[in-house]
Amino acid sequence: MVEPLVELKGVSKSFGSKKILDNVDLKIYPGDALGVIGPSGTGKSTILRIIAGLLKPDAGEVYIQGQKRQGTIEEGEPSLGVGMVFQQSALFDSLTVDENIGFALYRYSKLPPKKIRELVERKLEIVGLPGTGDLYPAELSGGMRKKVSLARAIITDPNNPDNAPCMILYDEPTAGLDPIASTRIENLIHDLLFKQGLCRAYAIVTHQASTIRLTTERIIFIYQGKIQWDGKREEAYVSTHPLLKQFFSGSIEGPIP
């Protein structure tokens, strides 16, 4: 039996009096291209942040490659091979593209700066931005900033193979992009797993129809703090489940107010 890369067991999370996740169980396997969908404010991004170690669940357990998360990245917990691409790219405006992508290596690794620069250039070539290392985020388009954020998620210290990306988490990576820029990002996300082999699985939060169609093979639907549906993308489109039918049709009539 294939072991999951990521496993959530009974994970719950509240913010104040509002329960966002309610006893969620989830397994993500090698090769999964997982779409996390559902209405706004139902905990999709929260799941990603818990997997990434940016948030600690109130209850439940999180395992990455069989290793239990004990805390958050801020508390010194290692990334365990999980990278994250944020909706707004989350780049440092005062740093160059090179410094943004290689930030963790410049700060924490023992690699010489020349070697880090070489690693950054390789990642820039992979995401289609060669020669942009000396530019600043303000000089980039929205699509280019997304690619820089993606390059940052896949760069690793070759002297520390344990932190090589096992999984990349994408939080609405095509939000705010025009259709052509969105397609470029969607193709890149798909290729990093299925052609480049630079990660072993990914999970993507999105509301965008093209992103669901071009990047996902499995879908989970989250509503009222629980995973209400889990299955193949093709099955989701033809499902008679009332939540899925309303979501994909965009109807204001249905169980989602």
Protein backbone atom coordinates (compact mmCIF):
# COMPACT_ATOMS: atom_id res chain seq x y z
CA MET A 1 0.00 0.00 0.00
CA VAL A 2 1.32 3.46 -0.95
CA GLU A 3 1.98 5.66 2.06
CA PRO A 4 0.53 9.18 1.96
CA LEU A 5 2.87 12.15 1.66
CA VAL A 6 0.52 14.17 3.86
CA GLU A 7 -2.05 12.98 6.35
CA LEU A 8 -4.43 15.02 8.49
CA LYS A 9 -6.14 13.19 11.33
CA GLY A 10 -9.07 14.83 13.08
CA VAL A 11 -7.79 18.36 12.40
CA SER A 12 -9.87 21.22 13.77
CA LYS A 13 -9.21 24.94 13.73
CA SER A 14 -11.18 27.92 15.01
CA PHE A 15 -10.63 31.66 14.85
CA GLY A 16 -12.39 33.19 17.80
CA SER A 17 -15.86 31.71 18.03
CA LYS A 18 -15.91 30.62 14.37
CA LYS A 19 -14.96 27.00 13.66
CA ILE A 20 -13.19 26.86 10.30
CA LEU A 21 -12.17 23.19 10.18
CA ASP A 22 -14.13 20.52 12.03
CA ASN A 23 -12.43 17.14 12.59
CA VAL A 24 -10.97 16.92 9.07
CA ASP A 25 -9.30 13.73 7.83
CA LEU A 26 -7.30 13.94 4.60
CA LYS A 27 -4.63 11.88 2.83
CA ILE A 28 -2.56 13.20 -0.07
CA TYR A 29 -0.58 10.63 -2.02
CA PRO A 30 2.44 10.75 -4.36
CA GLY A 31 1.28 11.87 -7.79
CA ASP A 32 -1.80 13.68 -6.47
CA ALA A 33 -2.78 16.88 -8.28
CA LEU A 34 -5.35 17.93 -5.70
CA GLY A 35 -7.84 20.74 -6.14
CA VAL A 36 -9.25 22.20 -2.93
CA ILE A 37 -12.53 23.92 -3.78
CA GLY A 38 -15.60 25.29 -2.06
CA PRO A 39 -17.24 28.61 -1.14
CA SER A 40 -15.15 31.47 0.20
CA GLY A 41 -14.31 31.39 3.89
CA THR A 42 -14.76 27.64 4.34
CA GLY A 43 -11.22 26.73 5.38
CA LYS A 44 -9.47 25.95 2.10
CA SER A 45 -6.47 28.20 2.67
CA THR A 46 -6.43 27.20 6.32
CA ILE A 47 -5.81 23.57 5.34
CA LEU A 48 -2.84 24.63 3.21
CA ARG A 49 -1.37 26.76 5.98
CA ILE A 50 -1.67 23.94 8.48
CA ILE A 51 0.04 21.50 6.11
CA ALA A 52 2.80 24.08 5.45
CA GLY A 53 3.39 24.57 9.16
CA LEU A 54 2.25 28.19 9.16
CA LEU A 55 -0.71 27.47 11.44
CA LYS A 56 -1.10 25.02 14.28
CA PRO A 57 -4.38 23.08 14.51
CA ASP A 58 -6.42 23.37 17.68
CA ALA A 59 -6.91 19.61 17.65
CA GLY A 60 -5.75 16.68 15.54
CA GLU A 61 -2.46 15.57 14.04
CA VAL A 62 -0.54 16.42 10.86
CA TYR A 63 1.99 14.04 9.29
CA ILE A 64 4.38 14.92 6.46
CA GLN A 65 6.11 11.91 4.90
CA GLY A 66 5.27 9.97 8.05
CA GLN A 67 6.75 12.59 10.39
CA LYS A 68 4.43 14.32 12.81
CA ARG A 69 4.44 18.10 12.83
CA GLN A 70 5.19 19.35 16.32
CA GLY A 71 4.79 23.09 15.82
CA THR A 72 4.97 25.87 13.26
CA ILE A 73 7.77 27.12 11.03
CA GLU A 74 7.87 30.27 13.15
CA GLU A 75 8.56 28.10 16.19
CA GLY A 76 11.49 26.44 14.44
CA GLU A 77 9.68 23.46 12.89
CA PRO A 78 11.41 22.37 9.64
CA SER A 79 9.52 22.68 6.37
CA LEU A 80 9.62 18.88 5.93
CA GLY A 81 9.76 19.38 2.19
CA VAL A 82 6.56 21.43 1.84
CA GLY A 83 6.70 24.61 -0.25
CA MET A 84 3.96 27.19 -0.61
CA VAL A 85 3.02 29.70 -3.30
CA PHE A 86 0.85 32.48 -1.90
CA GLN A 87 -2.03 34.26 -3.60
CA GLN A 88 -0.27 37.64 -3.58
CA SER A 89 3.18 36.11 -4.26
CA ALA A 90 4.47 37.43 -0.88
CA LEU A 91 7.73 38.79 -2.29
CA PHE A 92 9.97 41.24 -0.43
CA ASP A 93 9.74 44.50 -2.38
CA SER A 94 13.16 45.68 -1.20
CA LEU A 95 14.93 42.50 -2.41
CA THR A 96 15.84 41.50 -5.94
CA VAL A 97 14.36 38.44 -7.63
CA ASP A 98 17.58 36.57 -6.85
CA GLU A 99 17.44 37.54 -3.18
CA ASN A 100 13.74 36.63 -2.93
CA ILE A 101 14.15 33.18 -4.45
CA GLY A 102 17.34 32.37 -2.57
CA PHE A 103 16.26 34.05 0.68
CA ALA A 104 16.27 30.92 2.86
CA LEU A 105 19.55 29.69 1.38
CA TYR A 106 21.28 33.05 1.83
CA ARG A 107 20.04 33.24 5.40
CA TYR A 108 20.32 29.69 6.71
CA SER A 109 22.54 27.55 4.45
CA LYS A 110 26.34 27.34 4.34
CA LEU A 111 26.40 27.61 0.56
CA PRO A 112 28.58 30.38 -0.94
CA PRO A 113 26.61 33.23 -2.56
CA LYS A 114 27.92 32.30 -6.02
CA LYS A 115 26.50 28.79 -5.68
CA ILE A 116 23.14 30.12 -4.48
CA ARG A 117 23.01 32.47 -7.45
CA GLU A 118 23.61 29.50 -9.77
CA LEU A 119 20.77 27.57 -8.13
CA VAL A 120 18.47 30.60 -8.45
CA GLU A 121 19.30 30.96 -12.15
CA ARG A 122 18.44 27.31 -12.78
CA LYS A 123 15.05 27.76 -11.14
CA LEU A 124 14.43 30.95 -13.10
CA GLU A 125 15.09 29.03 -16.30
CA ILE A 126 12.65 26.32 -15.25
CA VAL A 127 9.84 28.84 -14.63
CA GLY A 128 10.62 30.74 -17.83
CA LEU A 129 12.29 33.86 -16.39
CA PRO A 130 16.00 33.55 -17.25
CA GLY A 131 18.13 36.62 -16.66
CA THR A 132 15.70 38.38 -14.31
CA GLY A 133 17.62 37.85 -11.06
CA ASP A 134 18.65 41.51 -10.69
CA LEU A 135 15.15 42.91 -11.16
CA TYR A 136 12.90 44.00 -8.29
CA PRO A 137 9.28 42.84 -7.82
CA ALA A 138 7.98 46.27 -8.83
CA GLU A 139 9.57 45.75 -12.26
CA LEU A 140 7.65 42.50 -12.85
CA SER A 141 4.17 41.80 -14.16
CA GLY A 142 1.67 39.91 -12.02
CA GLY A 143 2.35 36.67 -13.87
CA MET A 144 6.11 37.09 -13.48
CA ARG A 145 5.76 37.64 -9.74
CA LYS A 146 3.77 34.40 -9.50
CA LYS A 147 6.58 32.58 -11.31
CA VAL A 148 9.18 34.04 -8.94
CA SER A 149 7.10 32.84 -6.00
CA LEU A 150 6.94 29.40 -7.60
CA ALA A 151 10.71 29.33 -8.15
CA ARG A 152 11.19 30.16 -4.47
CA ALA A 153 8.99 27.20 -3.52
CA ILE A 154 11.10 24.69 -5.47
CA ILE A 155 14.62 25.88 -4.63
CA THR A 156 16.47 23.70 -2.12
CA ASP A 157 19.87 23.28 -0.54
CA PRO A 158 21.61 20.39 -2.38
CA ASN A 159 23.53 19.68 0.84
CA ASN A 160 20.24 19.06 2.65
CA PRO A 161 18.26 16.62 0.46
CA ASP A 162 15.81 15.88 3.29
CA ASN A 163 14.19 19.27 2.58
CA ALA A 164 13.78 18.64 -1.16
CA PRO A 165 10.20 19.51 -2.18
CA CYS A 166 7.84 16.61 -1.61
CA MET A 167 4.79 18.81 -2.07
CA ILE A 168 3.90 22.30 -3.26
CA LEU A 169 0.84 24.14 -1.99
CA TYR A 170 -0.76 26.81 -4.19
CA ASP A 171 -3.18 29.35 -2.74
CA GLU A 172 -5.18 30.77 -5.67
CA PRO A 173 -2.07 31.09 -7.89
CA THR A 174 -3.98 32.50 -10.88
CA ALA A 175 -6.06 35.08 -8.99
CA GLY A 176 -5.93 38.47 -10.68
CA LEU A 177 -4.22 37.24 -13.86
CA ASP A 178 -5.55 37.57 -17.39
CA PRO A 179 -6.55 34.32 -19.17
CA ILE A 180 -3.28 33.97 -21.08
CA ALA A 181 -1.10 34.56 -18.01
CA SER A 182 -3.31 32.16 -16.07
CA THR A 183 -2.80 29.42 -18.67
CA ARG A 184 0.97 29.87 -18.52
CA ILE A 185 0.93 29.46 -14.73
CA GLU A 186 -1.48 26.51 -14.93
CA ASN A 187 0.73 24.71 -17.44
CA LEU A 188 3.80 25.38 -15.32
CA ILE A 189 2.13 24.00 -12.19
CA HIS A 190 1.16 20.83 -14.04
CA ASP A 191 4.58 20.40 -15.68
CA LEU A 192 6.58 20.80 -12.45
CA LEU A 193 4.99 17.58 -11.21
CA PHE A 194 4.30 15.54 -14.31
CA LYS A 195 7.20 16.56 -16.60
CA GLN A 196 9.93 18.10 -14.45
CA GLY A 197 9.40 15.88 -11.41
CA LEU A 198 10.36 18.75 -9.09
CA CYS A 199 7.75 17.75 -6.52
CA ARG A 200 5.90 14.56 -5.69
CA ALA A 201 2.41 16.05 -5.36
CA TYR A 202 0.62 19.36 -5.08
CA ALA A 203 -2.56 20.85 -3.68
CA ILE A 204 -4.15 23.95 -5.15
CA VAL A 205 -6.88 26.21 -3.77
CA THR A 206 -8.78 27.87 -6.59
CA HIS A 207 -12.18 29.18 -7.70
CA GLN A 208 -11.10 29.53 -11.34
CA ALA A 209 -12.66 27.06 -13.78
CA SER A 210 -9.61 26.90 -16.07
CA THR A 211 -7.29 26.24 -13.14
CA ILE A 212 -9.46 23.37 -11.93
CA ARG A 213 -9.59 21.92 -15.45
CA LEU A 214 -5.88 22.29 -16.30
CA THR A 215 -4.18 21.51 -12.99
CA THR A 216 -6.29 19.07 -10.97
CA GLU A 217 -6.95 15.36 -11.20
CA ARG A 218 -8.55 14.89 -7.79
CA ILE A 219 -10.88 17.29 -5.99
CA ILE A 220 -12.02 17.79 -2.43
CA PHE A 221 -14.98 20.07 -1.70
CA ILE A 222 -14.95 21.84 1.65
CA TYR A 223 -18.05 23.33 3.24
CA GLN A 224 -19.00 24.08 6.84
CA GLY A 225 -15.59 22.96 8.07
CA LYS A 226 -15.76 19.46 6.58
CA ILE A 227 -14.71 17.67 3.41
CA GLN A 228 -18.09 17.07 1.81
CA TRP A 229 -16.84 15.32 -1.35
CA ASP A 230 -13.58 13.67 -2.47
CA GLY A 231 -13.04 12.14 -5.90
CA LYS A 232 -11.75 12.47 -9.45
CA ARG A 233 -12.19 15.79 -11.25
CA GLU A 234 -14.18 14.23 -14.09
CA GLU A 235 -16.59 12.70 -11.57
CA ALA A 236 -17.02 16.05 -9.84
CA TYR A 237 -18.28 17.72 -13.01
CA VAL A 238 -21.07 15.15 -13.49
CA SER A 239 -21.84 14.51 -9.81
CA THR A 240 -25.40 14.91 -8.59
CA HIS A 241 -24.13 16.05 -5.18
CA PRO A 242 -26.11 19.27 -4.53
CA LEU A 243 -23.07 21.23 -3.30
CA LEU A 244 -21.02 20.38 -6.38
CA LYS A 245 -23.92 21.03 -8.76
CA GLN A 246 -24.49 24.48 -7.29
CA PHE A 247 -20.78 25.34 -7.18
CA PHE A 248 -20.05 24.43 -10.79
CA SER A 249 -23.24 26.00 -12.14
CA GLY A 250 -22.86 29.20 -10.13
CA SER A 251 -26.53 29.06 -9.22
CA ILE A 252 -27.82 31.12 -6.31
CA GLU A 253 -30.35 28.36 -5.68
CA GLY A 254 -29.15 25.47 -3.56
CA PRO A 255 -27.72 24.49 -0.17
CA ILE A 256 -25.00 27.17 -0.24
CA PRO A 257 -26.60 30.49 0.81
